[in-house]
């Protein structure tokens, strides 16, 4: 690659930094949503500022910058949402949804004040602030869409079991969005979420109450490796979290004990590319960039063979691995129908 080509490539990266912040502001303040509502007629700067409760001067600067970044079009001075952006930045029911990714990436970067010190010492930051966990909820919207549209398609027998009214356990459930989505999609299910992070527990319980699902969805505040239940579950689920848990092997063992005969333990996660050539793709670049953030907080992403090794170390059946069209992966183990879980202490009291 020539010097000129390299200059253009890296200059585009600087532009991408500003574009990320434009998207973050546009998603968080509803600028994109209001433009989408306006359709092809668009909005003037004053109308957009008024519709979002923002000041005119920064909104005008945002519109000009968004136009330069090809996020909005301008027709006779009126801003119109660029083509395809509603699907990618606003529709969180699609696997292609990236709005939450931008929110999460920008908010995560607010903690990077100590990044240089981390490189010098190797010591990760002690704890992420509550804003990080709240931003992570925006990220999970894509995972939920991937689960419904790609994951369930790869597991049709599980879909039927949930439709019939299965019991579901979400391990490290965060703010509870997946639980609420499953409860709405499968109205005969009963669900439990286990979470150890206090702010997430509070948000999950609030979301369940606001969704009027408290009769079917319960949130337990508990450490994952010591969780146990008297009644087993048809689905025990880890969504983009197993690699972050302090004790992944112990967490898998505890989760497997909760799986009912004929039930399934499912892990949905994003794997680091094992092939160096695969790393030099956009997907690989995003994952290795994410892994740097993970290391900074004391966790790390895993490759597919590492997930398989966790199943083996936890004495689970060999994991069945499925690569999904979005780039995510599913790993699952199914308990034979003629066996029984070990059971344990009831957390429902």
Protein backbone atom coordinates (compact mmCIF):
# COMPACT_ATOMS: atom_id res chain seq x y z
CA UNK A 1 0.00 0.00 0.00
CA UNK A 2 1.39 3.41 -0.99
CA UNK A 3 1.86 6.29 1.44
CA UNK A 4 -1.03 8.16 -0.19
CA UNK A 5 -3.33 5.15 0.14
CA UNK A 6 -2.32 4.66 3.76
CA UNK A 7 -2.92 8.36 4.46
CA UNK A 8 -6.43 8.14 2.98
CA UNK A 9 -7.18 4.99 4.96
CA UNK A 10 -6.10 6.45 8.29
CA UNK A 11 -7.71 9.83 7.62
CA UNK A 12 -10.99 7.96 7.05
CA UNK A 13 -10.49 6.41 10.48
CA UNK A 14 -10.38 9.87 12.04
CA UNK A 15 -13.60 10.65 10.19
CA UNK A 16 -15.06 7.44 11.59
CA UNK A 17 -14.33 8.65 15.12
CA UNK A 18 -16.42 11.77 14.55
CA UNK A 19 -19.09 9.78 12.74
CA UNK A 20 -19.41 7.46 15.75
CA UNK A 21 -20.14 10.43 17.99
CA UNK A 22 -22.61 11.85 15.47
CA UNK A 23 -24.45 8.53 15.48
CA UNK A 24 -24.34 8.30 19.29
CA UNK A 25 -25.89 11.77 19.61
CA UNK A 26 -28.41 11.03 16.86
CA UNK A 27 -29.55 7.80 18.51
CA UNK A 28 -29.55 8.98 22.11
CA UNK A 29 -31.31 12.31 21.49
CA UNK A 30 -33.80 10.92 18.97
CA UNK A 31 -32.56 13.01 16.03
CA UNK A 32 -32.56 10.01 13.71
CA UNK A 33 -35.95 8.85 14.97
CA UNK A 34 -37.58 12.24 14.35
CA UNK A 35 -36.11 12.43 10.85
CA UNK A 36 -37.40 8.93 10.18
CA UNK A 37 -40.87 9.97 11.36
CA UNK A 38 -40.75 12.96 8.99
CA UNK A 39 -40.11 10.74 5.98
CA UNK A 40 -39.16 12.21 2.61
CA UNK A 41 -40.34 15.71 3.59
CA UNK A 42 -37.61 15.94 6.21
CA UNK A 43 -37.26 18.62 8.87
CA UNK A 44 -35.67 22.03 9.04
CA UNK A 45 -33.00 22.55 11.68
CA UNK A 46 -35.47 24.51 13.80
CA UNK A 47 -38.12 21.79 13.49
CA UNK A 48 -35.62 19.06 14.37
CA UNK A 49 -34.37 21.00 17.38
CA UNK A 50 -37.91 21.61 18.56
CA UNK A 51 -38.99 18.00 18.06
CA UNK A 52 -36.08 16.71 20.17
CA UNK A 53 -35.97 19.44 22.80
CA UNK A 54 -32.48 20.51 21.75
CA UNK A 55 -30.80 23.85 21.11
CA UNK A 56 -30.74 25.07 17.52
CA UNK A 57 -27.03 25.87 17.18
CA UNK A 58 -25.65 22.40 18.02
CA UNK A 59 -28.42 20.71 16.01
CA UNK A 60 -27.49 22.80 12.98
CA UNK A 61 -23.84 21.76 13.41
CA UNK A 62 -24.95 18.12 13.80
CA UNK A 63 -27.01 18.26 10.60
CA UNK A 64 -24.08 19.72 8.63
CA UNK A 65 -21.66 17.13 10.02
CA UNK A 66 -24.15 14.30 9.45
CA UNK A 67 -24.59 15.44 5.86
CA UNK A 68 -20.80 15.44 5.38
CA UNK A 69 -20.73 11.91 6.83
CA UNK A 70 -23.56 10.74 4.52
CA UNK A 71 -25.90 10.09 7.42
CA UNK A 72 -28.51 12.62 6.27
CA UNK A 73 -29.38 14.21 2.96
CA UNK A 74 -30.29 17.88 2.51
CA UNK A 75 -33.14 18.93 0.22
CA UNK A 76 -33.84 22.66 0.05
CA UNK A 77 -32.32 23.06 3.50
CA UNK A 78 -34.38 20.26 5.06
CA UNK A 79 -32.66 17.23 6.58
CA UNK A 80 -33.80 13.79 5.40
CA UNK A 81 -32.61 10.53 6.91
CA UNK A 82 -30.17 8.71 4.63
CA UNK A 83 -31.29 5.48 2.92
CA UNK A 84 -30.95 2.26 4.92
CA UNK A 85 -30.18 4.03 8.19
CA UNK A 86 -33.57 3.41 9.78
CA UNK A 87 -33.04 -0.34 9.43
CA UNK A 88 -29.47 -0.28 10.76
CA UNK A 89 -29.65 2.41 13.45
CA UNK A 90 -33.29 2.37 14.63
CA UNK A 91 -34.85 -1.07 14.09
CA UNK A 92 -33.63 -3.13 17.04
CA UNK A 93 -35.61 -6.18 15.88
CA UNK A 94 -33.11 -6.84 13.07
CA UNK A 95 -29.79 -8.71 13.37
CA UNK A 96 -28.28 -5.84 11.35
CA UNK A 97 -29.12 -3.34 14.09
CA UNK A 98 -26.04 -1.30 15.07
CA UNK A 99 -27.57 1.56 17.04
CA UNK A 100 -26.78 -0.13 20.33
CA UNK A 101 -23.24 -0.90 19.18
CA UNK A 102 -22.55 2.80 18.68
CA UNK A 103 -24.03 3.69 22.06
CA UNK A 104 -21.98 1.00 23.78
CA UNK A 105 -18.72 1.83 21.97
CA UNK A 106 -18.90 5.56 22.70
CA UNK A 107 -19.91 5.10 26.35
CA UNK A 108 -17.19 2.47 26.86
CA UNK A 109 -14.59 4.88 25.50
CA UNK A 110 -15.45 7.36 28.26
CA UNK A 111 -13.54 5.05 30.61
CA UNK A 112 -10.34 5.10 28.55
CA UNK A 113 -8.58 7.74 30.63
CA UNK A 114 -6.53 4.97 32.20
CA UNK A 115 -5.84 3.01 29.00
CA UNK A 116 -2.18 4.01 28.75
CA UNK A 117 -1.61 3.05 32.37
CA UNK A 118 -3.21 -0.33 31.65
CA UNK A 119 -0.71 -0.93 28.88
CA UNK A 120 2.19 0.00 31.15
CA UNK A 121 1.08 -2.02 34.17
CA UNK A 122 -1.24 -4.70 32.82
CA UNK A 123 -3.72 -3.87 35.59
CA UNK A 124 -7.33 -3.55 34.37
CA UNK A 125 -9.69 -0.97 35.77
CA UNK A 126 -11.35 -2.15 39.00
CA UNK A 127 -14.97 -1.62 37.98
CA UNK A 128 -17.09 -0.17 35.16
CA UNK A 129 -19.50 2.61 36.20
CA UNK A 130 -23.27 2.17 36.10
CA UNK A 131 -23.45 4.11 32.81
CA UNK A 132 -21.51 1.28 31.17
CA UNK A 133 -24.00 -1.39 32.26
CA UNK A 134 -26.89 0.77 31.06
CA UNK A 135 -25.22 1.29 27.69
CA UNK A 136 -24.68 -2.46 27.47
CA UNK A 137 -28.45 -2.86 27.44
CA UNK A 138 -28.54 -1.02 24.11
CA UNK A 139 -25.97 -3.47 22.78
CA UNK A 140 -28.03 -6.51 23.77
CA UNK A 141 -30.83 -5.51 21.39
CA UNK A 142 -28.79 -6.90 18.50
CA UNK A 143 -28.12 -10.13 20.41
CA UNK A 144 -31.84 -10.55 21.07
CA UNK A 145 -32.63 -10.08 17.38
CA UNK A 146 -29.93 -12.61 16.47
CA UNK A 147 -31.38 -15.11 18.95
CA UNK A 148 -34.92 -14.83 17.58
CA UNK A 149 -34.17 -14.68 13.86
CA UNK A 150 -31.06 -16.87 13.59
CA UNK A 151 -30.62 -18.84 16.80
CA UNK A 152 -34.12 -20.26 17.05
CA UNK A 153 -34.03 -21.10 13.34
CA UNK A 154 -31.05 -23.35 14.11
CA UNK A 155 -32.94 -25.03 17.01
CA UNK A 156 -36.52 -25.73 15.83
CA UNK A 157 -37.26 -28.27 18.59
CA UNK A 158 -36.43 -25.63 21.20
CA UNK A 159 -38.81 -23.20 19.52
CA UNK A 160 -41.62 -25.72 19.81
CA UNK A 161 -40.82 -26.42 23.45
CA UNK A 162 -41.00 -22.71 24.28
CA UNK A 163 -44.25 -22.36 22.35
CA UNK A 164 -45.70 -25.20 24.42
CA UNK A 165 -44.90 -23.33 27.64
CA UNK A 166 -41.36 -24.17 28.74
CA UNK A 167 -39.51 -22.87 31.79
CA UNK A 168 -36.62 -20.54 30.99
CA UNK A 169 -33.57 -19.37 32.95
CA UNK A 170 -31.45 -16.42 31.79
CA UNK A 171 -28.02 -16.54 33.46
CA UNK A 172 -26.50 -13.10 34.16
CA UNK A 173 -29.62 -11.52 32.70
CA UNK A 174 -28.43 -7.90 32.87
CA UNK A 175 -31.32 -5.46 32.56
CA UNK A 176 -33.80 -8.21 31.63
CA UNK A 177 -34.49 -7.27 28.00
CA UNK A 178 -34.09 -10.81 26.67
CA UNK A 179 -36.42 -12.19 29.34
CA UNK A 180 -39.14 -9.68 28.46
CA UNK A 181 -38.70 -10.34 24.74
CA UNK A 182 -39.04 -14.12 25.23
CA UNK A 183 -42.03 -13.72 27.56
CA UNK A 184 -43.82 -11.66 24.91
CA UNK A 185 -42.88 -13.96 22.03
CA UNK A 186 -43.84 -17.12 23.94
CA UNK A 187 -46.78 -16.21 26.22
CA UNK A 188 -46.97 -19.67 27.83
CA UNK A 189 -43.42 -19.57 29.21
CA UNK A 190 -42.37 -18.87 32.79
CA UNK A 191 -38.98 -17.25 33.24
CA UNK A 192 -36.30 -16.55 35.84
CA UNK A 193 -33.33 -14.22 35.48
CA UNK A 194 -30.28 -14.43 37.74
CA UNK A 195 -28.02 -11.37 38.00
CA UNK A 196 -25.23 -10.36 40.40
CA UNK A 197 -24.61 -6.71 39.38
CA UNK A 198 -26.82 -4.52 41.65
CA UNK A 199 -27.65 -1.79 39.13
CA UNK A 200 -28.63 -4.40 36.55
CA UNK A 201 -30.85 -6.22 39.07
CA UNK A 202 -32.70 -3.00 39.81
CA UNK A 203 -33.18 -2.18 36.12
CA UNK A 204 -34.32 -5.72 35.30
CA UNK A 205 -36.92 -5.74 38.06
CA UNK A 206 -38.16 -2.31 36.97
CA UNK A 207 -38.43 -3.42 33.34
CA UNK A 208 -40.37 -6.56 34.30
CA UNK A 209 -42.77 -4.50 36.41
CA UNK A 210 -43.24 -1.86 33.70
CA UNK A 211 -43.89 -4.63 31.16
CA UNK A 212 -46.60 -6.07 33.44
CA UNK A 213 -44.88 -9.46 33.41
CA UNK A 214 -44.16 -9.88 37.13
CA UNK A 215 -46.54 -12.85 37.25
CA UNK A 216 -44.38 -14.79 34.78
CA UNK A 217 -40.88 -13.33 35.09
CA UNK A 218 -38.79 -13.29 38.27
CA UNK A 219 -35.38 -11.65 38.83
CA UNK A 220 -33.07 -13.18 41.46
CA UNK A 221 -30.03 -11.33 42.79
CA UNK A 222 -27.43 -14.06 43.22
CA UNK A 223 -23.88 -15.06 42.39
CA UNK A 224 -23.93 -17.33 39.32
CA UNK A 225 -21.73 -20.30 40.36
CA UNK A 226 -23.79 -20.92 43.52
CA UNK A 227 -27.26 -20.62 41.98
CA UNK A 228 -29.49 -23.68 42.32
CA UNK A 229 -33.15 -24.54 41.80
CA UNK A 230 -35.59 -27.27 42.80
CA UNK A 231 -37.48 -27.01 39.52
CA UNK A 232 -35.53 -27.51 36.28
CA UNK A 233 -35.70 -25.42 33.12
CA UNK A 234 -36.30 -26.31 29.49
CA UNK A 235 -33.86 -23.60 28.38
CA UNK A 236 -30.88 -22.24 30.32
CA UNK A 237 -29.35 -19.34 28.41
CA UNK A 238 -26.14 -17.28 28.43
CA UNK A 239 -26.25 -14.26 26.12
CA UNK A 240 -22.90 -12.64 25.31
CA UNK A 241 -21.81 -13.04 28.93
CA UNK A 242 -20.09 -16.38 29.60
CA UNK A 243 -16.70 -14.99 28.59
CA UNK A 244 -17.11 -12.16 31.13
CA UNK A 245 -17.99 -14.22 34.19
CA UNK A 246 -15.27 -14.58 36.86
CA UNK A 247 -15.94 -18.33 37.11
CA UNK A 248 -17.18 -19.54 33.71
CA UNK A 249 -16.61 -23.24 34.44
CA UNK A 250 -18.42 -23.11 37.77
CA UNK A 251 -21.19 -21.06 36.17
CA UNK A 252 -21.66 -23.64 33.42
CA UNK A 253 -21.77 -26.48 35.99
CA UNK A 254 -24.43 -24.66 38.03
CA UNK A 255 -26.41 -23.87 34.88
CA UNK A 256 -26.26 -27.48 33.66
CA UNK A 257 -27.68 -28.68 36.98
CA UNK A 258 -30.76 -26.58 36.25
CA UNK A 259 -31.47 -28.13 32.80
CA UNK A 260 -34.56 -30.36 32.65
CA UNK A 261 -34.58 -33.78 30.95
CA UNK A 262 -34.75 -33.07 27.24
CA UNK A 263 -33.88 -29.43 27.95
CA UNK A 264 -31.01 -27.43 26.55
CA UNK A 265 -28.21 -25.16 27.75
CA UNK A 266 -27.46 -22.49 25.12
CA UNK A 267 -24.60 -20.00 24.90
CA UNK A 268 -24.80 -17.19 22.33
CA UNK A 269 -21.58 -15.24 21.92
CA UNK A 270 -19.20 -13.59 19.45
CA UNK A 271 -15.97 -15.51 18.90
CA UNK A 272 -12.52 -14.16 18.13
CA UNK A 273 -11.29 -15.32 14.71
CA UNK A 274 -8.78 -18.15 15.03
CA UNK A 275 -7.43 -17.70 11.48
CA UNK A 276 -5.11 -14.67 10.97
CA UNK A 277 -6.58 -14.11 7.50
CA UNK A 278 -10.07 -14.06 9.01
CA UNK A 279 -8.90 -11.39 11.47
CA UNK A 280 -8.19 -9.00 8.58
CA UNK A 281 -11.86 -8.55 7.78
CA UNK A 282 -14.23 -5.89 9.07
CA UNK A 283 -15.80 -8.48 11.37
CA UNK A 284 -12.39 -9.48 12.70
CA UNK A 285 -11.31 -5.87 13.15
CA UNK A 286 -14.42 -5.10 15.22
CA UNK A 287 -13.98 -8.18 17.40
CA UNK A 288 -10.29 -7.58 18.08
CA UNK A 289 -11.08 -3.95 18.90
CA UNK A 290 -13.79 -5.09 21.28
CA UNK A 291 -11.34 -7.51 22.87
CA UNK A 292 -9.05 -4.63 23.78
CA UNK A 293 -11.91 -3.08 25.75
CA UNK A 294 -12.60 -6.46 27.36
CA UNK A 295 -8.97 -6.79 28.48
CA UNK A 296 -9.07 -3.26 29.87
CA UNK A 297 -11.91 -4.31 32.20
CA UNK A 298 -10.30 -7.63 33.15
CA UNK A 299 -12.17 -9.97 30.80
CA UNK A 300 -11.56 -11.15 27.24
CA UNK A 301 -13.34 -12.56 24.21
CA UNK A 302 -12.87 -16.24 23.40
CA UNK A 303 -12.30 -18.25 20.25
CA UNK A 304 -14.73 -21.05 19.35
CA UNK A 305 -12.42 -23.80 20.57
CA UNK A 306 -12.17 -22.06 23.96
CA UNK A 307 -15.95 -22.20 24.39
CA UNK A 308 -15.83 -25.91 23.56
CA UNK A 309 -13.08 -26.35 26.16
CA UNK A 310 -15.22 -24.63 28.81
CA UNK A 311 -18.02 -27.16 28.20
CA UNK A 312 -15.50 -29.99 28.58
CA UNK A 313 -13.95 -28.59 31.77
CA UNK A 314 -17.43 -28.17 33.27
CA UNK A 315 -18.18 -31.87 32.55
CA UNK A 316 -20.96 -31.05 30.12
CA UNK A 317 -21.65 -33.02 26.95
CA UNK A 318 -19.57 -31.86 23.99
CA UNK A 319 -20.88 -28.53 22.73
CA UNK A 320 -22.70 -28.42 19.43
CA UNK A 321 -21.46 -25.27 17.67
CA UNK A 322 -23.48 -23.33 15.09
CA UNK A 323 -22.09 -20.31 13.24
CA UNK A 324 -24.91 -17.86 12.56
CA UNK A 325 -25.25 -15.57 9.51
CA UNK A 326 -24.68 -12.45 11.62
CA UNK A 327 -21.24 -13.68 12.70
CA UNK A 328 -22.38 -14.73 16.18
CA UNK A 329 -22.10 -18.34 17.32
CA UNK A 330 -24.28 -20.65 19.37
CA UNK A 331 -22.94 -23.45 21.54
CA UNK A 332 -25.42 -25.82 23.12
CA UNK A 333 -25.73 -29.08 25.02
CA UNK A 334 -28.94 -31.10 25.44
CA UNK A 335 -29.76 -33.23 28.47
CA UNK A 336 -31.07 -36.70 27.51
CA UNK A 337 -34.80 -37.04 28.01
CA UNK A 338 -34.36 -40.07 30.31
CA UNK A 339 -31.95 -38.31 32.73
CA UNK A 340 -32.58 -35.88 35.55
CA UNK A 341 -30.83 -32.77 36.81
CA UNK A 342 -29.20 -32.83 40.22
CA UNK A 343 -31.45 -30.11 41.60
CA UNK A 344 -30.54 -27.92 44.56
CA UNK A 345 -31.73 -25.10 46.74
CA UNK A 346 -34.87 -23.24 45.75
CA UNK A 347 -34.27 -19.52 45.17
CA UNK A 348 -37.95 -18.73 44.74
CA UNK A 349 -38.60 -18.09 48.43
